[in-house]
Structure formats: structure tokens, C-alpha cells
Amino acid sequence: MATKKNTEVTDTVETTVEKQADVAKNEPKYAVGKLREKSILLFGVSQSTFDGAMYGHTEEEYSKKEVEAIINEWLYGKEGRK
């Protein structure tokens, strides 16, 4: 019976990950220049911080959540904000 519960938990986790991936696909993407212009309003960082965080990221369009994750990783490392 414990095996059945583990399988159910695994199925639930996989379903949650798939739902998050679908949400990320449905988010609107914006040009990097537009996100940079509004970096203080959107992310609470200056344009120079935005430039530093986005250095090396070559795509032309990102969603707000993608950029926010990139900035947070650049500022705080992989562990995130403490």
C-alpha cells in the first residue's frame, strides 16, 4: 500500500510540474528593450542592474517571470533571497 501512495504522490508532482510549464508557455513575452525601460517599475532594479543580470542572455523576448527569475538568480544566487 505504501507503493501505491508513492505512485500517487509522484503522479501529483508530475501533474503540477506540467501545469506550471503550460502556464509559462501562455505568458506574454515582451521585447528586452521594453522590459529594460520599465525595469524599476516591474522588477525594482535599475537599468544597469537589469543589464548586468541579462548579460549573456541572447533571446529577444522574455516573459516578466523569466526576467524576474534571471534577475533574482543574478542578485542572490541559486539559493534565492534570504
N, C-alpha and C. Protein backbone atom coordinates (compact mmCIF):
# COMPACT_ATOMS: atom_id res chain seq x y z
N MET A 1 0.81 -1.18 0.00
CA MET A 1 0.00 0.00 0.00
C MET A 1 0.87 1.26 0.00
N ALA A 2 2.02 1.20 0.60
CA ALA A 2 2.91 2.36 0.60
C ALA A 2 3.37 2.67 -0.83
N THR A 3 3.55 1.63 -1.63
CA THR A 3 3.95 1.84 -3.01
C THR A 3 2.88 2.61 -3.77
N LYS A 4 1.65 2.29 -3.51
CA LYS A 4 0.55 2.97 -4.19
C LYS A 4 0.54 4.45 -3.83
N LYS A 5 0.76 4.77 -2.56
CA LYS A 5 0.79 6.17 -2.14
C LYS A 5 1.95 6.91 -2.81
N ASN A 6 3.12 6.28 -2.87
CA ASN A 6 4.26 6.92 -3.51
C ASN A 6 3.98 7.19 -4.98
N THR A 7 3.31 6.26 -5.64
CA THR A 7 2.96 6.44 -7.04
C THR A 7 1.99 7.61 -7.18
N GLU A 8 1.01 7.72 -6.27
CA GLU A 8 0.05 8.81 -6.33
C GLU A 8 0.74 10.16 -6.12
N VAL A 9 1.68 10.21 -5.19
CA VAL A 9 2.41 11.45 -4.93
C VAL A 9 3.23 11.83 -6.15
N THR A 10 3.91 10.86 -6.76
CA THR A 10 4.72 11.11 -7.94
C THR A 10 3.84 11.63 -9.07
N ASP A 11 2.67 11.03 -9.27
CA ASP A 11 1.75 11.48 -10.31
C ASP A 11 1.29 12.91 -10.05
N THR A 12 1.03 13.24 -8.80
CA THR A 12 0.59 14.59 -8.45
C THR A 12 1.69 15.60 -8.72
N VAL A 13 2.92 15.27 -8.36
CA VAL A 13 4.05 16.17 -8.58
C VAL A 13 4.27 16.38 -10.07
N GLU A 14 4.22 15.31 -10.86
CA GLU A 14 4.40 15.43 -12.30
C GLU A 14 3.30 16.28 -12.93
N THR A 15 2.07 16.12 -12.47
CA THR A 15 0.96 16.91 -12.98
C THR A 15 1.16 18.39 -12.65
N THR A 16 1.62 18.69 -11.44
CA THR A 16 1.86 20.08 -11.04
C THR A 16 2.95 20.70 -11.89
N VAL A 17 4.02 19.98 -12.15
CA VAL A 17 5.11 20.49 -12.99
C VAL A 17 4.62 20.76 -14.40
N GLU A 18 3.80 19.86 -14.93
CA GLU A 18 3.26 20.05 -16.28
C GLU A 18 2.36 21.28 -16.33
N LYS A 19 1.55 21.52 -15.30
CA LYS A 19 0.68 22.69 -15.26
C LYS A 19 1.51 23.96 -15.23
N GLN A 20 2.59 23.97 -14.45
CA GLN A 20 3.45 25.15 -14.38
C GLN A 20 4.10 25.42 -15.72
N ALA A 21 4.49 24.38 -16.44
CA ALA A 21 5.09 24.54 -17.75
C ALA A 21 4.08 25.13 -18.73
N ASP A 22 2.82 24.69 -18.65
CA ASP A 22 1.77 25.22 -19.52
C ASP A 22 1.52 26.70 -19.22
N VAL A 23 1.52 27.08 -17.96
CA VAL A 23 1.31 28.48 -17.59
C VAL A 23 2.44 29.33 -18.15
N ALA A 24 3.67 28.84 -18.06
CA ALA A 24 4.82 29.59 -18.57
C ALA A 24 4.72 29.78 -20.08
N LYS A 25 4.20 28.81 -20.78
CA LYS A 25 4.06 28.92 -22.24
C LYS A 25 3.00 29.95 -22.61
N ASN A 26 1.99 30.12 -21.77
CA ASN A 26 0.88 31.02 -22.07
C ASN A 26 1.15 32.47 -21.68
N GLU A 27 2.24 32.72 -20.97
CA GLU A 27 2.54 34.09 -20.56
C GLU A 27 2.98 34.92 -21.75
N PRO A 28 2.55 36.18 -21.79
CA PRO A 28 3.01 37.04 -22.89
C PRO A 28 4.49 37.35 -22.76
N LYS A 29 5.15 37.49 -23.89
CA LYS A 29 6.57 37.82 -23.90
C LYS A 29 6.73 39.24 -24.43
N TYR A 30 7.75 39.90 -23.91
CA TYR A 30 7.99 41.29 -24.26
C TYR A 30 9.43 41.45 -24.74
N ALA A 31 9.66 42.48 -25.55
CA ALA A 31 11.00 42.77 -26.04
C ALA A 31 11.88 43.18 -24.86
N VAL A 32 13.14 42.77 -24.92
CA VAL A 32 14.08 43.06 -23.84
C VAL A 32 14.19 44.57 -23.61
N GLY A 33 14.19 45.34 -24.68
CA GLY A 33 14.28 46.79 -24.55
C GLY A 33 13.13 47.39 -23.76
N LYS A 34 11.93 46.89 -23.98
CA LYS A 34 10.77 47.39 -23.25
C LYS A 34 10.84 47.01 -21.78
N LEU A 35 11.27 45.78 -21.49
CA LEU A 35 11.43 45.35 -20.11
C LEU A 35 12.51 46.18 -19.41
N ARG A 36 13.57 46.50 -20.14
CA ARG A 36 14.65 47.30 -19.58
C ARG A 36 14.16 48.70 -19.24
N GLU A 37 13.38 49.30 -20.14
CA GLU A 37 12.85 50.65 -19.91
C GLU A 37 12.03 50.73 -18.62
N LYS A 38 11.30 49.68 -18.32
CA LYS A 38 10.41 49.66 -17.16
C LYS A 38 10.96 48.81 -16.02
N SER A 39 12.27 48.60 -15.99
CA SER A 39 12.87 47.69 -15.01
C SER A 39 12.61 48.12 -13.57
N ILE A 40 12.58 49.43 -13.30
CA ILE A 40 12.34 49.89 -11.92
C ILE A 40 10.91 49.58 -11.51
N LEU A 41 9.96 49.81 -12.39
CA LEU A 41 8.55 49.54 -12.07
C LEU A 41 8.25 48.05 -11.98
N LEU A 42 8.79 47.28 -12.92
CA LEU A 42 8.47 45.86 -12.99
C LEU A 42 9.23 45.00 -11.98
N PHE A 43 10.53 45.30 -11.81
CA PHE A 43 11.39 44.41 -11.03
C PHE A 43 12.04 45.08 -9.83
N GLY A 44 11.92 46.40 -9.73
CA GLY A 44 12.51 47.11 -8.61
C GLY A 44 14.02 47.22 -8.69
N VAL A 45 14.56 47.17 -9.92
CA VAL A 45 16.01 47.29 -10.11
C VAL A 45 16.30 48.36 -11.16
N SER A 46 17.49 48.94 -11.09
CA SER A 46 17.89 49.95 -12.06
C SER A 46 18.17 49.30 -13.41
N GLN A 47 18.29 50.13 -14.44
CA GLN A 47 18.60 49.61 -15.77
C GLN A 47 19.99 48.98 -15.81
N SER A 48 20.93 49.52 -15.03
CA SER A 48 22.27 48.94 -15.02
C SER A 48 22.26 47.55 -14.36
N THR A 49 21.45 47.38 -13.32
CA THR A 49 21.31 46.05 -12.71
C THR A 49 20.64 45.09 -13.68
N PHE A 50 19.62 45.58 -14.38
CA PHE A 50 18.95 44.77 -15.40
C PHE A 50 19.96 44.32 -16.45
N ASP A 51 20.81 45.26 -16.91
CA ASP A 51 21.82 44.93 -17.92
C ASP A 51 22.79 43.87 -17.42
N GLY A 52 23.22 44.00 -16.18
CA GLY A 52 24.14 43.02 -15.62
C GLY A 52 23.53 41.64 -15.52
N ALA A 53 22.29 41.58 -15.07
CA ALA A 53 21.61 40.30 -14.92
C ALA A 53 21.34 39.64 -16.27
N MET A 54 21.03 40.45 -17.27
CA MET A 54 20.67 39.90 -18.57
C MET A 54 21.88 39.65 -19.48
N TYR A 55 23.07 40.02 -19.01
CA TYR A 55 24.28 39.82 -19.81
C TYR A 55 24.42 38.33 -20.17
N GLY A 56 24.57 38.06 -21.45
CA GLY A 56 24.73 36.68 -21.91
C GLY A 56 23.42 36.00 -22.31
N HIS A 57 22.30 36.59 -21.96
CA HIS A 57 21.00 36.05 -22.36
C HIS A 57 20.65 36.66 -23.71
N THR A 58 20.60 35.83 -24.73
CA THR A 58 20.54 36.33 -26.11
C THR A 58 19.16 36.35 -26.75
N GLU A 59 18.15 35.81 -26.08
CA GLU A 59 16.81 35.85 -26.68
C GLU A 59 16.33 37.29 -26.76
N GLU A 60 15.47 37.56 -27.72
CA GLU A 60 14.97 38.93 -27.92
C GLU A 60 13.72 39.22 -27.10
N GLU A 61 13.01 38.18 -26.67
CA GLU A 61 11.78 38.36 -25.91
C GLU A 61 11.76 37.42 -24.71
N TYR A 62 11.25 37.94 -23.60
CA TYR A 62 11.11 37.16 -22.37
C TYR A 62 9.79 37.52 -21.71
N SER A 63 9.28 36.61 -20.89
CA SER A 63 8.13 36.93 -20.06
C SER A 63 8.64 37.64 -18.80
N LYS A 64 7.75 38.30 -18.10
CA LYS A 64 8.15 39.01 -16.88
C LYS A 64 8.70 38.03 -15.84
N LYS A 65 8.07 36.86 -15.72
CA LYS A 65 8.52 35.88 -14.73
C LYS A 65 9.91 35.35 -15.07
N GLU A 66 10.19 35.15 -16.34
CA GLU A 66 11.51 34.68 -16.74
C GLU A 66 12.58 35.69 -16.36
N VAL A 67 12.32 36.97 -16.65
CA VAL A 67 13.29 38.01 -16.34
C VAL A 67 13.45 38.15 -14.82
N GLU A 68 12.35 38.08 -14.10
CA GLU A 68 12.41 38.18 -12.65
C GLU A 68 13.28 37.06 -12.07
N ALA A 69 13.13 35.85 -12.59
CA ALA A 69 13.94 34.73 -12.12
C ALA A 69 15.42 34.94 -12.46
N ILE A 70 15.71 35.46 -13.64
CA ILE A 70 17.09 35.73 -14.05
C ILE A 70 17.71 36.77 -13.13
N ILE A 71 16.97 37.84 -12.86
CA ILE A 71 17.48 38.91 -12.00
C ILE A 71 17.71 38.40 -10.59
N ASN A 72 16.75 37.66 -10.04
CA ASN A 72 16.91 37.14 -8.68
C ASN A 72 18.08 36.19 -8.56
N GLU A 73 18.29 35.36 -9.57
CA GLU A 73 19.44 34.44 -9.52
C GLU A 73 20.74 35.24 -9.60
N TRP A 74 20.77 36.27 -10.42
CA TRP A 74 21.97 37.09 -10.56
C TRP A 74 22.27 37.85 -9.26
N LEU A 75 21.23 38.37 -8.63
CA LEU A 75 21.43 39.14 -7.40
C LEU A 75 21.71 38.27 -6.19
N TYR A 76 21.00 37.17 -6.05
CA TYR A 76 21.03 36.40 -4.82
C TYR A 76 21.61 35.00 -4.96
N GLY A 77 21.98 34.59 -6.15
CA GLY A 77 22.50 33.25 -6.35
C GLY A 77 21.38 32.24 -6.49
N LYS A 78 21.73 31.00 -6.63
CA LYS A 78 20.74 29.94 -6.84
C LYS A 78 19.88 29.70 -5.61
N GLU A 79 20.36 30.04 -4.42
CA GLU A 79 19.58 29.83 -3.21
C GLU A 79 18.41 30.79 -3.09
N GLY A 80 18.49 31.91 -3.79
CA GLY A 80 17.42 32.90 -3.76
C GLY A 80 17.61 33.91 -2.65
N ARG A 81 16.60 34.72 -2.47
CA ARG A 81 16.63 35.80 -1.47
C ARG A 81 16.56 35.22 -0.07
N LYS A 82 17.37 35.77 0.83
CA LYS A 82 17.37 35.30 2.23
C LYS A 82 16.80 36.35 3.13
